[in-house]
N, C-alpha and C. Protein backbone atom coordinates (compact mmCIF):
# COMPACT_ATOMS: atom_id res chain seq x y z
N MET A 1 -80.27 -146.43 -55.27
CA MET A 1 -80.18 -146.03 -56.96
C MET A 1 -79.75 -144.74 -56.69
N ASN A 2 -79.07 -143.93 -57.59
CA ASN A 2 -79.09 -142.70 -57.69
C ASN A 2 -80.17 -141.75 -58.60
N ALA A 3 -80.51 -140.42 -58.40
CA ALA A 3 -81.20 -139.67 -58.92
C ALA A 3 -81.28 -139.67 -60.60
N SER A 4 -80.25 -139.82 -60.89
CA SER A 4 -80.12 -139.85 -62.64
C SER A 4 -80.81 -141.38 -63.20
N ASN A 5 -80.54 -142.53 -62.29
CA ASN A 5 -80.76 -143.88 -62.82
C ASN A 5 -82.58 -143.57 -62.56
N ASP A 6 -83.17 -142.88 -62.09
CA ASP A 6 -84.69 -142.18 -61.57
C ASP A 6 -85.43 -141.57 -62.69
N MET A 7 -84.31 -141.08 -63.81
CA MET A 7 -84.61 -139.98 -64.61
C MET A 7 -85.61 -140.06 -65.34
N GLN A 8 -86.33 -140.34 -66.07
CA GLN A 8 -87.77 -140.68 -66.84
C GLN A 8 -87.63 -139.45 -68.44
N THR A 9 -87.45 -139.87 -69.37
CA THR A 9 -87.51 -139.18 -70.89
C THR A 9 -88.30 -139.12 -70.69
N PRO A 10 -89.07 -138.60 -72.54
CA PRO A 10 -90.11 -139.01 -73.33
C PRO A 10 -89.65 -140.39 -73.66
N LYS A 11 -90.81 -141.07 -73.56
CA LYS A 11 -91.01 -142.89 -74.16
C LYS A 11 -89.78 -143.34 -74.14
N ALA A 12 -88.83 -143.42 -72.86
CA ALA A 12 -87.74 -144.05 -72.24
C ALA A 12 -87.64 -143.53 -70.50
N LEU A 13 -87.20 -145.31 -70.13
CA LEU A 13 -87.14 -144.80 -68.41
C LEU A 13 -85.70 -145.28 -68.38
N ARG A 14 -84.87 -144.48 -67.83
CA ARG A 14 -83.22 -145.18 -67.25
C ARG A 14 -83.47 -146.13 -65.92
N TRP A 15 -82.71 -147.24 -66.49
CA TRP A 15 -83.10 -147.88 -65.08
C TRP A 15 -81.83 -148.83 -65.36
N ARG A 16 -80.70 -148.54 -63.89
CA ARG A 16 -79.49 -148.79 -63.75
C ARG A 16 -78.83 -148.66 -64.98
N GLY A 17 -79.06 -147.89 -65.91
CA GLY A 17 -78.14 -147.15 -66.75
C GLY A 17 -78.79 -147.77 -67.88
N ARG A 18 -79.26 -148.56 -67.98
CA ARG A 18 -80.34 -149.16 -69.65
C ARG A 18 -81.38 -148.69 -69.67
N GLU A 19 -82.05 -148.04 -70.77
CA GLU A 19 -83.11 -148.15 -71.56
C GLU A 19 -84.16 -148.97 -71.04
N SER A 20 -85.48 -148.37 -70.90
CA SER A 20 -86.47 -148.97 -71.00
C SER A 20 -87.91 -148.71 -71.72
N ARG A 21 -87.61 -148.74 -73.24
CA ARG A 21 -88.49 -148.08 -73.90
C ARG A 21 -90.01 -148.58 -74.46
N GLU A 22 -91.10 -147.37 -74.58
CA GLU A 22 -91.73 -148.14 -74.69
C GLU A 22 -92.40 -148.75 -75.66
N TYR A 23 -91.65 -148.99 -76.83
CA TYR A 23 -91.86 -149.70 -78.37
C TYR A 23 -90.32 -150.18 -78.43
N THR A 24 -90.15 -151.67 -78.81
CA THR A 24 -89.32 -152.02 -79.10
C THR A 24 -88.53 -151.53 -80.27
N ARG A 25 -87.36 -151.28 -80.31
CA ARG A 25 -86.64 -150.67 -81.80
C ARG A 25 -86.08 -152.14 -82.29
N TRP A 26 -86.15 -151.93 -84.13
CA TRP A 26 -85.11 -152.90 -84.42
C TRP A 26 -84.27 -151.94 -85.42
N PRO A 27 -83.21 -152.52 -86.19
CA PRO A 27 -82.62 -152.16 -86.23
C PRO A 27 -83.47 -152.23 -88.02
N CYS A 28 -82.57 -150.87 -88.74
CA CYS A 28 -83.27 -151.12 -90.50
C CYS A 28 -82.59 -150.35 -90.98
N ALA A 29 -82.31 -150.31 -92.39
CA ALA A 29 -80.98 -149.48 -93.54
C ALA A 29 -82.19 -149.73 -94.59
N GLU A 30 -82.94 -149.04 -94.57
CA GLU A 30 -84.07 -148.56 -95.82
C GLU A 30 -84.21 -147.31 -96.50
N SER A 31 -84.00 -147.07 -97.68
CA SER A 31 -83.76 -145.56 -97.98
C SER A 31 -85.57 -144.63 -97.51
N THR A 32 -85.37 -143.16 -97.14
CA THR A 32 -86.89 -142.98 -97.00
C THR A 32 -86.88 -141.54 -97.69
N LEU A 33 -87.58 -140.97 -97.70
CA LEU A 33 -87.99 -139.52 -98.47
C LEU A 33 -89.26 -138.99 -97.15
N PHE A 34 -88.41 -137.76 -97.12
CA PHE A 34 -89.45 -137.54 -95.76
C PHE A 34 -89.66 -135.79 -95.92
N SER A 35 -90.42 -134.86 -95.46
CA SER A 35 -90.86 -133.43 -95.68
C SER A 35 -90.45 -133.66 -94.45
N ALA A 36 -89.78 -131.97 -94.31
CA ALA A 36 -89.97 -131.31 -92.89
C ALA A 36 -89.52 -129.63 -93.28
N ASN A 37 -90.39 -128.85 -93.10
CA ASN A 37 -90.15 -127.23 -93.15
C ASN A 37 -90.32 -127.05 -94.91
N GLN A 38 -91.24 -127.89 -95.11
CA GLN A 38 -92.28 -127.40 -96.69
C GLN A 38 -90.56 -127.67 -97.81
N GLN A 39 -89.92 -129.03 -97.21
CA GLN A 39 -88.91 -129.25 -97.86
C GLN A 39 -89.00 -130.75 -98.07
N LEU A 40 -88.50 -131.55 -99.21
CA LEU A 40 -88.04 -132.86 -99.02
C LEU A 40 -86.52 -133.18 -99.62
N TYR A 41 -86.63 -134.18 -98.30
CA TYR A 41 -85.21 -134.40 -97.80
C TYR A 41 -85.07 -136.37 -98.27
N ASP A 42 -83.93 -136.84 -98.31
CA ASP A 42 -83.58 -138.20 -98.60
C ASP A 42 -82.45 -138.58 -97.16
N GLY A 43 -83.66 -139.87 -96.76
CA GLY A 43 -82.62 -140.02 -95.37
C GLY A 43 -82.49 -141.51 -95.53
N LYS A 44 -81.77 -142.56 -94.61
CA LYS A 44 -81.90 -143.87 -94.24
C LYS A 44 -82.32 -144.35 -92.81
N PHE A 45 -83.21 -144.97 -92.75
CA PHE A 45 -83.26 -145.49 -91.62
C PHE A 45 -82.62 -146.76 -90.54
N LYS A 46 -82.18 -146.23 -89.73
CA LYS A 46 -81.16 -146.76 -88.50
C LYS A 46 -81.55 -147.39 -88.42
N ASP A 47 -82.60 -146.72 -87.17
CA ASP A 47 -83.85 -148.23 -86.21
C ASP A 47 -84.80 -147.64 -86.35
N MET A 48 -85.97 -148.71 -86.11
CA MET A 48 -87.53 -148.16 -86.02
C MET A 48 -88.02 -148.82 -84.83
N SER A 49 -89.41 -148.11 -84.34
CA SER A 49 -89.82 -149.05 -83.12
C SER A 49 -91.89 -148.00 -84.06
N VAL A 50 -92.64 -148.74 -83.40
CA VAL A 50 -94.41 -148.33 -83.52
C VAL A 50 -94.02 -147.15 -83.37
N GLY A 51 -93.27 -146.49 -82.54
CA GLY A 51 -93.22 -145.28 -81.29
C GLY A 51 -92.49 -144.24 -82.61
N GLY A 52 -91.80 -144.76 -82.93
CA GLY A 52 -90.98 -143.55 -83.72
C GLY A 52 -89.53 -144.17 -84.77
N THR A 53 -88.66 -143.62 -84.85
CA THR A 53 -87.55 -143.80 -85.94
C THR A 53 -86.40 -142.83 -86.17
N PHE A 54 -85.31 -143.42 -86.25
CA PHE A 54 -83.90 -142.58 -86.77
C PHE A 54 -83.70 -142.63 -87.84
N ILE A 55 -83.44 -141.11 -88.10
CA ILE A 55 -83.30 -141.04 -90.02
C ILE A 55 -81.90 -140.21 -90.12
N GLN A 56 -80.63 -140.73 -90.82
CA GLN A 56 -79.60 -140.78 -91.31
C GLN A 56 -80.10 -139.72 -92.42
N ALA A 57 -79.49 -138.82 -91.61
CA ALA A 57 -80.11 -137.47 -92.93
C ALA A 57 -79.39 -135.89 -93.06
N ARG A 58 -78.86 -135.29 -93.33
CA ARG A 58 -77.88 -133.87 -93.37
C ARG A 58 -79.19 -132.73 -93.83
N GLY A 59 -79.45 -132.06 -92.81
CA GLY A 59 -80.16 -130.58 -93.17
C GLY A 59 -80.10 -129.33 -92.15
N ARG A 60 -80.83 -128.61 -92.27
CA ARG A 60 -81.34 -127.90 -91.14
C ARG A 60 -82.64 -128.18 -90.71
N PHE A 61 -82.42 -128.67 -89.20
CA PHE A 61 -83.64 -129.05 -88.66
C PHE A 61 -83.65 -128.69 -87.54
N GLN A 62 -85.44 -128.48 -86.44
CA GLN A 62 -85.28 -127.80 -85.62
C GLN A 62 -85.53 -128.92 -84.04
N LEU A 63 -85.91 -128.94 -83.19
CA LEU A 63 -86.40 -129.80 -82.16
C LEU A 63 -87.88 -129.13 -81.95
N GLY A 64 -88.93 -130.43 -82.25
CA GLY A 64 -90.13 -130.22 -82.61
C GLY A 64 -90.77 -129.83 -83.80
N GLN A 65 -89.96 -129.63 -84.63
CA GLN A 65 -90.51 -129.20 -86.22
C GLN A 65 -91.40 -130.53 -86.58
N PRO A 66 -92.42 -130.76 -86.79
CA PRO A 66 -93.11 -131.15 -87.91
C PRO A 66 -92.61 -131.83 -88.56
N VAL A 67 -92.89 -133.50 -88.91
CA VAL A 67 -92.26 -134.48 -90.20
C VAL A 67 -93.54 -135.17 -91.37
N ILE A 68 -93.09 -135.39 -92.23
CA ILE A 68 -93.89 -136.57 -92.60
C ILE A 68 -92.83 -137.10 -93.40
N VAL A 69 -93.11 -138.52 -92.70
CA VAL A 69 -91.84 -139.59 -92.73
C VAL A 69 -92.76 -140.73 -94.04
N ALA A 70 -92.12 -140.94 -94.97
CA ALA A 70 -92.60 -142.12 -96.31
C ALA A 70 -91.54 -143.17 -96.11
N GLY A 71 -92.09 -144.20 -96.42
CA GLY A 71 -91.23 -145.55 -96.50
C GLY A 71 -91.63 -146.91 -96.21
N VAL A 72 -90.86 -147.63 -95.80
CA VAL A 72 -91.27 -149.31 -94.99
C VAL A 72 -91.41 -149.31 -94.06
N LEU A 73 -92.19 -148.46 -93.22
CA LEU A 73 -92.28 -148.16 -91.53
C LEU A 73 -93.00 -149.21 -90.70
N ALA A 74 -92.94 -150.64 -91.38
CA ALA A 74 -93.92 -151.58 -90.83
C ALA A 74 -92.76 -152.47 -90.55
N ARG A 75 -92.82 -153.78 -90.03
CA ARG A 75 -91.95 -155.21 -90.03
C ARG A 75 -92.36 -155.68 -90.87
N ASP A 76 -93.58 -155.72 -91.74
CA ASP A 76 -94.21 -156.68 -92.47
C ASP A 76 -94.22 -156.01 -93.97
N GLY A 77 -93.28 -155.16 -94.23
CA GLY A 77 -92.72 -154.20 -95.32
C GLY A 77 -93.86 -153.66 -96.01
N THR A 78 -94.69 -153.32 -95.34
CA THR A 78 -95.72 -152.47 -95.68
C THR A 78 -95.24 -150.64 -96.07
N GLU A 79 -95.20 -150.62 -97.31
CA GLU A 79 -94.91 -148.84 -96.61
C GLU A 79 -96.09 -147.83 -96.34
N GLN A 80 -95.83 -146.98 -95.86
CA GLN A 80 -96.85 -146.27 -95.30
C GLN A 80 -96.05 -144.48 -95.19
N LYS A 81 -97.04 -143.80 -95.27
CA LYS A 81 -96.67 -142.62 -94.57
C LYS A 81 -97.20 -142.47 -93.09
N ARG A 82 -96.19 -141.82 -92.20
CA ARG A 82 -96.65 -141.67 -91.01
C ARG A 82 -96.41 -139.94 -90.68
N ILE A 83 -96.67 -139.39 -89.78
CA ILE A 83 -96.55 -138.04 -88.87
C ILE A 83 -96.12 -137.56 -87.95
N GLY A 84 -95.01 -136.93 -87.92
CA GLY A 84 -94.10 -136.99 -86.31
C GLY A 84 -93.95 -135.77 -86.24
N LYS A 85 -92.69 -135.97 -85.44
CA LYS A 85 -92.15 -134.43 -84.86
C LYS A 85 -90.31 -135.11 -84.19
N ILE A 86 -89.62 -133.72 -84.47
CA ILE A 86 -88.82 -134.22 -84.47
C ILE A 86 -88.08 -134.00 -82.84
N VAL A 87 -87.51 -135.07 -82.37
CA VAL A 87 -87.33 -135.13 -80.71
C VAL A 87 -86.08 -135.58 -80.91
N ARG A 88 -84.75 -135.30 -81.25
CA ARG A 88 -83.93 -135.37 -81.11
C ARG A 88 -82.50 -135.04 -82.60
N ILE A 89 -81.96 -134.15 -82.43
CA ILE A 89 -80.70 -134.16 -83.43
C ILE A 89 -79.37 -134.29 -83.23
N GLU A 90 -79.05 -134.86 -83.46
CA GLU A 90 -77.32 -135.55 -83.72
C GLU A 90 -77.00 -135.32 -85.20
N LYS A 91 -75.26 -135.27 -84.72
CA LYS A 91 -74.29 -134.77 -86.15
C LYS A 91 -75.34 -135.60 -87.25
N ALA A 92 -75.51 -137.13 -87.35
CA ALA A 92 -75.88 -138.17 -88.04
C ALA A 92 -77.19 -138.52 -88.43
N GLY A 93 -78.26 -137.51 -88.22
CA GLY A 93 -79.49 -137.43 -87.81
C GLY A 93 -80.51 -136.74 -87.47
N ILE A 94 -81.79 -137.68 -87.08
CA ILE A 94 -82.68 -136.86 -86.38
C ILE A 94 -83.54 -138.07 -86.10
N ALA A 95 -84.06 -137.81 -84.47
CA ALA A 95 -84.63 -138.78 -84.00
C ALA A 95 -86.42 -138.46 -84.32
N ILE A 96 -87.08 -139.25 -84.92
CA ILE A 96 -88.57 -138.79 -84.68
C ILE A 96 -89.45 -139.53 -84.16
N GLN A 97 -90.32 -138.64 -83.57
CA GLN A 97 -91.38 -139.62 -82.57
C GLN A 97 -92.75 -138.62 -83.31
N PHE A 98 -93.75 -140.86 -83.69
CA PHE A 98 -94.56 -140.58 -84.85
C PHE A 98 -95.77 -139.75 -83.25
N THR A 99 -96.33 -138.76 -84.36
CA THR A 99 -97.57 -138.31 -83.57
C THR A 99 -99.17 -139.19 -83.57
N ASP A 100 -98.78 -139.70 -85.16
CA ASP A 100 -100.17 -140.07 -85.46
C ASP A 100 -99.97 -141.86 -84.92
N ALA A 101 -101.55 -141.69 -84.85
CA ALA A 101 -101.70 -143.36 -83.86
C ALA A 101 -101.33 -144.43 -84.37
N PRO A 102 -100.75 -145.45 -84.24
CA PRO A 102 -100.11 -146.53 -84.88
C PRO A 102 -101.02 -147.17 -86.30
N GLY A 103 -101.97 -147.69 -85.91
CA GLY A 103 -103.37 -147.87 -86.53
C GLY A 103 -103.82 -147.23 -87.52
N MET A 104 -103.30 -146.03 -87.45
CA MET A 104 -104.02 -145.03 -88.17
C MET A 104 -102.67 -144.46 -89.41
N ALA A 105 -102.21 -145.05 -89.43
CA ALA A 105 -101.36 -144.73 -90.93
C ALA A 105 -101.32 -144.90 -92.33
N ALA A 106 -101.34 -143.95 -92.78
CA ALA A 106 -101.69 -144.13 -94.49
C ALA A 106 -100.65 -145.12 -95.16
N ARG A 107 -101.57 -145.86 -95.75
CA ARG A 107 -101.27 -146.71 -96.13
C ARG A 107 -100.99 -146.99 -98.12
N ARG A 108 -99.32 -146.57 -98.67
CA ARG A 108 -100.56 -147.14 -100.43
C ARG A 108 -100.40 -148.00 -100.68
């Protein structure tokens, strides 16, 4: 194995070119509202896990920026609010790592 295969990233490990994540992701296409930098944004979930989500959205975002995400954030279809931070920015959207405890999410 080479050094790149042993590289550890937040919440993910690389092993022979594949990612091994702490939480299983599932695809979704629900709409969401989220706040960042005291502004409200519309977006669409691309995928989700207990530990975070990727939201397709446009805007001016910064790494580490705190966010509050609202929408269907659980596999059982319940609406929740979760607190997180931006951990990756792409042209298509932002990756958010939830920073609140999964069992402590505020339900509406």
